[in-house]
Amino acid sequence: MITRSGTPLCPAWCIALHLDADETLHYGASREVSVVTRAPAPHRERQHAFALDTLVLVQHQEHHERVPWVAILLRGGPVLDLTADSARRLGANLADASAR
C-alpha cells in the first residue's frame, strides 16, 4: 500500500512524511483523552489528590515490525505501549467495567 508520502508498504493510517529515506517509523494522528486521575493519599491522610490530565494516544510501527502499537502517554512520558489488538481489548474491557 502507498500513502500520500509515497513510501511503499506504508500503512493506511500512517501520516508520516518519510522525507528521509532512512526514516522507518510509521505513526498515526495523535488523539487526546481528558481524564481525571487520583494520586495516592499520603500515609496518614485519607484524602486523595485529584487532577485533570490529558492522555495522548499514538499508533506507531517500525518498518520491521509485523503489528502496530498504541502508545499511551501522560505528561509527555510513556505509560503503556500496547499492541493495537491489546489496546482494543483494553478499551472493550474498560467500557464493560464502567457500564456495571
Protein backbone atom coordinates (compact mmCIF):
# COMPACT_ATOMS: atom_id res chain seq x y z
CA MET A 1 0.00 0.00 0.00
CA ILE A 2 1.26 3.51 -0.78
CA THR A 3 0.21 6.59 1.18
CA ARG A 4 0.41 10.27 0.31
CA SER A 5 4.07 10.29 1.32
CA GLY A 6 4.85 7.87 -1.50
CA THR A 7 6.58 5.40 0.79
CA PRO A 8 5.95 1.80 -0.29
CA LEU A 9 4.35 -0.50 2.25
CA CYS A 10 3.21 2.39 4.43
CA PRO A 11 0.09 1.52 6.49
CA ALA A 12 -3.09 3.39 5.53
CA TRP A 13 -3.20 5.10 8.96
CA CYS A 14 0.36 6.50 8.68
CA ILE A 15 0.66 10.29 8.47
CA ALA A 16 4.48 10.45 8.49
CA LEU A 17 6.02 12.35 5.59
CA HIS A 18 9.01 9.99 5.35
CA LEU A 19 11.22 12.67 3.84
CA ASP A 20 14.37 10.86 4.90
CA ALA A 21 14.95 7.57 3.07
CA ASP A 22 16.21 6.06 6.34
CA GLU A 23 13.09 7.05 8.32
CA THR A 24 11.34 3.81 9.18
CA LEU A 25 8.83 4.84 11.85
CA HIS A 26 5.19 4.91 10.79
CA TYR A 27 2.86 6.87 13.07
CA GLY A 28 -0.76 7.93 13.06
CA ALA A 29 -2.53 11.09 14.16
CA SER A 30 -2.43 11.51 17.93
CA ARG A 31 -5.62 11.62 19.97
CA GLU A 32 -6.06 13.36 23.28
CA VAL A 33 -8.31 11.99 26.01
CA SER A 34 -9.10 14.10 29.08
CA VAL A 35 -9.12 12.03 32.25
CA VAL A 36 -9.41 12.62 35.98
CA THR A 37 -6.59 10.93 37.84
CA ARG A 38 -6.14 10.24 41.52
CA ALA A 39 -2.84 10.25 43.34
CA PRO A 40 -2.46 8.01 46.37
CA ALA A 41 -3.17 9.71 49.68
CA PRO A 42 -0.19 10.40 51.93
CA HIS A 43 0.27 7.74 54.62
CA ARG A 44 -1.68 9.49 57.40
CA GLU A 45 -4.25 11.29 55.28
CA ARG A 46 -7.45 9.88 53.85
CA GLN A 47 -7.95 12.48 51.14
CA HIS A 48 -6.62 11.68 47.67
CA ALA A 49 -5.41 14.38 45.33
CA PHE A 50 -7.36 14.62 42.07
CA ALA A 51 -6.11 16.15 38.82
CA LEU A 52 -7.40 16.72 35.31
CA ASP A 53 -4.88 15.15 32.95
CA THR A 54 -4.64 14.50 29.25
CA LEU A 55 -3.63 11.13 27.88
CA VAL A 56 -2.20 11.14 24.37
CA LEU A 57 -2.72 8.05 22.21
CA VAL A 58 -0.48 7.44 19.19
CA GLN A 59 -0.44 4.44 16.88
CA HIS A 60 3.06 3.59 15.63
CA GLN A 61 5.02 0.83 13.94
CA GLU A 62 8.62 0.32 12.90
CA HIS A 63 9.02 -0.93 9.33
CA HIS A 64 10.39 -4.29 10.50
CA GLU A 65 7.54 -4.96 12.96
CA ARG A 66 4.59 -7.14 12.00
CA VAL A 67 2.00 -5.42 14.19
CA PRO A 68 1.16 -1.81 15.01
CA TRP A 69 1.42 -0.47 18.56
CA VAL A 70 -0.56 2.12 20.52
CA ALA A 71 1.45 4.31 22.87
CA ILE A 72 -0.42 5.85 25.79
CA LEU A 73 1.44 8.91 27.05
CA LEU A 74 0.90 11.04 30.16
CA ARG A 75 2.69 14.37 30.58
CA GLY A 76 4.95 13.54 27.65
CA GLY A 77 6.17 10.26 29.11
CA PRO A 78 5.13 6.73 28.24
CA VAL A 79 2.58 4.97 30.40
CA LEU A 80 1.83 1.93 28.24
CA ASP A 81 2.88 0.67 24.83
CA LEU A 82 0.37 -1.97 23.71
CA THR A 83 -0.22 -3.85 20.51
CA ALA A 84 -3.21 -2.41 18.66
CA ASP A 85 -5.12 -5.63 19.38
CA SER A 86 -4.34 -5.34 23.10
CA ALA A 87 -5.47 -1.70 23.06
CA ARG A 88 -8.81 -2.76 21.52
CA ARG A 89 -9.28 -5.42 24.21
CA LEU A 90 -8.40 -2.91 26.92
CA GLY A 91 -10.92 -0.41 25.52
CA ALA A 92 -13.66 -3.01 25.37
CA ASN A 93 -12.98 -4.14 28.93
CA LEU A 94 -12.88 -0.57 30.23
CA ALA A 95 -16.24 0.13 28.57
CA ASP A 96 -17.67 -3.07 30.06
CA ALA A 97 -16.31 -2.36 33.55
CA SER A 98 -17.65 1.21 33.59
CA ALA A 99 -21.13 0.06 32.48
CA ARG A 100 -21.58 -2.04 35.61
